């Protein structure tokens, strides 16, 4: 029994030693590296960047009241289309007690004067008809009578303005009616019936009754990093993608790049604006988030290769030309490169179309 165990042990030891030598021999063998073979092709190269922002109307007009008071009625809602001059709301005037009392006193004085002038006019008219007084004297009395009547009318209008903000002669063009100053779509009506409003003056911007904008003239407003702002120029084309409208790219032209950057989260960003070229049947709401895909540079019909095939050494670039495919043999060659889009790169000198070069290393699947 002991002899059998000894033989088994020696056998296992021998197998372990042999397998160790086999493993070490396999590890010591040179590894054969194979590469993909790539071919230079002609195509287009575009260098792009993306700017984030939102869609806004070019001009958003804030409608302010022309007098202070309380909103009596609101005739329009957000989303409705209005034309210049359309009434949006009506204001009820809250009269000042001092001004009202003064206006009432003026009316009473004007009424007394008008009554006395009427009596004088009626008396002198009879005297003039009987040729008792001259025409000159009668015309003076007639002029005073007309002036007093006009003063009474003006006093009544002033009292009406203090109390209600309107007069009989200007009821259609009253300052109590808040009208739209432009044509467009109402974006917001921040007031309701019963809210107090004040007119714009030297010390206050006034209460906004509504905001109106033309939604057919929209801008993309975004921000771009300082490393790329120098590559932008006015009228540069771009494509706008709106988050709420998938699978639709809207063409746009760059109109404005801010001359001053703003620091955000440690980065310097510059504001940019681009005019959207909207289709007639497309409705865009103000405030949609959007991205701008900007073509910073492009090359048409140039020789391109995968950028991973290029070896960089200092300021020089090299590729490995295929000398033999089986077995693989390569010759190192200097080339001049141009624009890159991060995947493919332009070769300006050193290669022509269909030239074969070494690509990336082929990694064998360990399971296989």
Foldseek 3Di string as FASTA:
>chain_A
DVVVVVVVVVVVVVVVVVVVVVVVVVVPDDDDWAFDKWFWAWFKFFAKDKWWFFKAFPDKDFFFFPFWAFWAAADDFFFDWDAFFDFGTFGFHDFDPVQLVVLVVQLVVLVVQLVVLVVVLVVVVVCVVVVNDDPVVNVVSVVSNVVSVVSNQVSVQSNCCRRGQGGPVCPPPGSRTGTHRHTAGWHHQPDHGGDIWGGCDPVDRIDGRTMGGHQVKMKTKTKDFPVQPVLDDWQFKKWKDFPVDPPDTWIWTWHDWDPAWDDDPNTTIIMTMIITPDDPPDGDDGTTIMMIMGGSDMDGTATKDFPQQWDDDPPWIWWWFFPDVVVTDTDIDTWDWDDHRNTMTGTPDDDDGGGMTTHGIDDDDPVD
